[in-house]
Amino acid sequence: ANHMSWFDVPALHGYLGGRLLWSFAKAELVKVPVLGTYMKSAEHILISRASRKSQLESLKSAIKTLGQGRNVFIFPEGTRSLDGKLRTFKGGAFTIARKSGCKIVPVTIKGNDKVFPANALMPITPGRGIMELVVHPAIDPEGKTDDELMEATKVAIASALPAEKIAKENE
C-alpha cells in the first residue's frame, strides 16, 4: 500500500477485518509508549534503516512469517509521504514476494492525508466519506523479477490515485 498518514496502519487493520496482519515498521517505533509494546508483543517485523544487517534479518523474518501462513503488509515507499504523493518504491517487498512465492495484493489508500496529515499530532477531520481503500487484484511473483513486481505493484496502486498524487521522477 502507499503510505501517507499515521492513520494508514489502523485503516488497513480496520478495513481488512478479521485477518491478522503483521507489518514492517521502523525499529524506532518501539520507543513510542504503548505502540512499541504492542509492536513487540504482536511480533511485527522491525527494521533499522541504518543497518544493512537489520534489513537482511527483517527480510528473512518476513519470508518466515509468510511461510507460517501469516499476512504481512509493507509500505514499499519505506516511509510516509509528507505531501501525500506516491513516491519511489524500495525493493525489499518484492524480494520477499519473489523468494516466498507469495502473491502481492496492492492496496491504494486515498484521503488519509486529509484526515491525519503527516504534520499533525492528531486527526484533524473525521474520515467518513474522505478515506477510501482500493484492493487491487493479486500479482503472482512466479516468473517475474523484483523490478517487474515493483512496476506492476506501482502501476496498480497509482491507477486509483489522481494524477496530482503521483510524484514526478525528480520530485
Protein backbone atom coordinates (compact mmCIF):
# COMPACT_ATOMS: atom_id res chain seq x y z
CA ALA A 1 0.00 0.00 0.00
CA ASN A 2 1.01 3.60 -0.43
CA HIS A 3 1.83 5.37 2.84
CA MET A 4 0.81 8.95 3.58
CA SER A 5 -0.52 9.12 7.12
CA TRP A 6 -0.10 7.80 10.64
CA PHE A 7 -3.66 6.58 10.13
CA ASP A 8 -2.77 4.12 7.33
CA VAL A 9 -2.00 1.18 9.64
CA PRO A 10 -5.24 1.32 11.68
CA ALA A 11 -7.19 1.93 8.46
CA LEU A 12 -5.73 -1.21 6.90
CA HIS A 13 -6.38 -3.25 10.04
CA GLY A 14 -9.96 -1.99 10.22
CA TYR A 15 -10.70 -2.46 6.53
CA LEU A 16 -9.21 -5.92 6.28
CA GLY A 17 -11.27 -7.04 9.25
CA GLY A 18 -10.50 -10.29 11.00
CA ARG A 19 -7.37 -11.09 9.01
CA LEU A 20 -4.35 -10.96 11.26
CA LEU A 21 -1.68 -8.74 9.76
CA TRP A 22 1.98 -8.31 10.56
CA SER A 23 3.72 -5.22 9.32
CA PHE A 24 7.17 -4.00 8.53
CA ALA A 25 7.93 -0.98 10.70
CA LYS A 26 10.90 1.16 11.51
CA ALA A 27 12.60 -0.05 14.68
CA GLU A 28 12.45 3.43 16.24
CA LEU A 29 8.69 3.00 16.74
CA VAL A 30 9.31 0.62 19.66
CA LYS A 31 10.28 3.73 21.67
CA VAL A 32 6.74 5.12 21.36
CA PRO A 33 4.77 4.37 24.55
CA VAL A 34 2.06 1.73 24.13
CA LEU A 35 2.71 1.39 20.38
CA GLY A 36 6.19 -0.06 20.95
CA THR A 37 4.97 -2.59 23.48
CA TYR A 38 2.17 -3.64 21.15
CA MET A 39 4.50 -3.99 18.15
CA LYS A 40 6.98 -6.16 20.03
CA SER A 41 4.32 -8.38 21.62
CA ALA A 42 2.46 -8.80 18.32
CA GLU A 43 5.73 -9.77 16.61
CA HIS A 44 5.66 -7.07 13.96
CA ILE A 45 8.77 -7.08 11.80
CA LEU A 46 11.04 -4.24 12.87
CA ILE A 47 13.72 -2.83 10.61
CA SER A 48 16.55 -0.44 11.30
CA ARG A 49 17.03 1.53 8.10
CA ALA A 50 20.60 2.41 9.11
CA SER A 51 21.70 -1.21 9.47
CA ARG A 52 22.14 -3.47 6.45
CA LYS A 53 22.27 -6.46 8.82
CA SER A 54 18.88 -5.47 10.29
CA GLN A 55 17.45 -5.13 6.80
CA LEU A 56 18.56 -8.64 5.85
CA GLU A 57 17.26 -10.10 9.13
CA SER A 58 13.92 -8.36 8.53
CA LEU A 59 13.68 -9.82 5.01
CA LYS A 60 14.33 -13.31 6.41
CA SER A 61 11.78 -12.73 9.18
CA ALA A 62 9.13 -11.64 6.67
CA ILE A 63 9.74 -14.70 4.49
CA LYS A 64 9.44 -16.91 7.59
CA THR A 65 6.24 -15.13 8.69
CA LEU A 66 4.69 -15.63 5.24
CA GLY A 67 5.77 -19.28 5.32
CA GLN A 68 3.70 -19.67 8.50
CA GLY A 69 0.61 -18.59 6.57
CA ARG A 70 0.53 -15.10 8.06
CA ASN A 71 -0.22 -11.94 6.10
CA VAL A 72 2.40 -9.19 6.02
CA PHE A 73 1.77 -5.67 4.83
CA ILE A 74 4.56 -3.46 3.66
CA PHE A 75 4.64 0.14 2.56
CA PRO A 76 7.10 -0.15 -0.36
CA GLU A 77 7.91 3.57 -0.28
CA GLY A 78 9.69 2.84 3.01
CA THR A 79 8.26 5.85 4.84
CA ARG A 80 5.26 8.16 4.93
CA SER A 81 4.95 10.63 2.09
CA LEU A 82 4.98 14.09 3.65
CA ASP A 83 2.95 15.62 0.80
CA GLY A 84 0.59 12.67 0.16
CA LYS A 85 2.14 11.82 -3.21
CA LEU A 86 3.13 8.30 -4.25
CA ARG A 87 6.93 8.09 -4.08
CA THR A 88 9.68 5.79 -5.37
CA PHE A 89 9.43 2.21 -4.13
CA LYS A 90 12.22 0.33 -2.39
CA GLY A 91 12.90 -3.25 -3.45
CA GLY A 92 12.60 -5.27 -0.23
CA ALA A 93 8.89 -6.08 -0.51
CA PHE A 94 9.36 -7.51 -3.98
CA THR A 95 12.35 -9.63 -3.00
CA ILE A 96 10.23 -11.03 -0.16
CA ALA A 97 7.34 -11.84 -2.51
CA ARG A 98 9.61 -13.49 -5.09
CA LYS A 99 11.58 -15.54 -2.57
CA SER A 100 8.50 -16.63 -0.60
CA GLY A 101 6.31 -17.23 -3.65
CA CYS A 102 3.52 -15.23 -2.01
CA LYS A 103 1.27 -13.05 -4.10
CA ILE A 104 1.29 -9.28 -3.70
CA VAL A 105 -2.09 -7.66 -3.10
CA PRO A 106 -1.66 -3.96 -3.92
CA VAL A 107 -3.81 -1.55 -1.90
CA THR A 108 -4.33 2.12 -2.69
CA ILE A 109 -5.05 4.31 0.31
CA LYS A 110 -6.84 7.55 -0.51
CA GLY A 111 -7.78 10.51 1.69
CA ASN A 112 -5.91 9.56 4.87
CA ASP A 113 -3.57 12.50 4.33
CA LYS A 114 -6.59 14.81 4.67
CA VAL A 115 -7.82 13.10 7.85
CA PHE A 116 -4.44 12.83 9.56
CA PRO A 117 -1.74 14.83 7.73
CA ALA A 118 1.92 13.99 8.24
CA ASN A 119 2.49 17.20 10.22
CA ALA A 120 -0.49 16.74 12.58
CA LEU A 121 -0.35 15.31 16.10
CA MET A 122 -3.95 14.09 15.93
CA PRO A 123 -6.53 13.53 13.18
CA ILE A 124 -7.95 16.87 12.06
CA THR A 125 -11.22 15.73 10.49
CA PRO A 126 -13.49 12.66 10.61
CA GLY A 127 -12.67 10.13 7.91
CA ARG A 128 -16.18 9.09 6.86
CA GLY A 129 -16.62 9.86 3.17
CA ILE A 130 -12.99 11.03 2.80
CA MET A 131 -10.93 7.87 3.25
CA GLU A 132 -11.03 5.03 0.76
CA LEU A 133 -9.07 1.81 0.34
CA VAL A 134 -8.92 0.14 -3.06
CA VAL A 135 -7.82 -3.50 -3.07
CA HIS A 136 -6.39 -4.48 -6.46
CA PRO A 137 -6.09 -7.96 -7.99
CA ALA A 138 -3.22 -10.05 -6.65
CA ILE A 139 0.08 -10.15 -8.52
CA ASP A 140 1.71 -13.58 -8.76
CA PRO A 141 5.50 -13.36 -8.38
CA GLU A 142 6.15 -16.57 -10.31
CA GLY A 143 8.47 -15.95 -13.25
CA LYS A 144 8.85 -12.25 -12.50
CA THR A 145 11.88 -10.23 -11.44
CA ASP A 146 11.85 -7.89 -8.46
CA ASP A 147 11.76 -4.93 -10.86
CA GLU A 148 8.78 -6.35 -12.75
CA LEU A 149 6.92 -6.94 -9.47
CA MET A 150 7.74 -3.42 -8.31
CA GLU A 151 6.50 -1.86 -11.55
CA ALA A 152 3.28 -3.92 -11.62
CA THR A 153 2.55 -3.01 -8.00
CA LYS A 154 3.25 0.69 -8.53
CA VAL A 155 1.05 0.76 -11.64
CA ALA A 156 -1.80 -0.90 -9.70
CA ILE A 157 -1.56 1.48 -6.73
CA ALA A 158 -1.18 4.55 -8.96
CA SER A 159 -4.20 3.52 -11.07
CA ALA A 160 -6.58 4.54 -8.25
CA LEU A 161 -4.85 7.84 -7.45
CA PRO A 162 -5.47 11.19 -9.11
CA ALA A 163 -2.52 12.39 -11.22
CA GLU A 164 -1.60 15.11 -8.70
CA LYS A 165 -0.98 12.41 -6.06
CA ILE A 166 1.79 10.73 -8.08
CA ALA A 167 5.23 12.30 -7.64
CA LYS A 168 7.21 13.09 -10.76
CA GLU A 169 10.58 11.31 -11.12
CA ASN A 170 12.59 14.37 -9.99
CA GLU A 171 10.37 15.33 -7.02
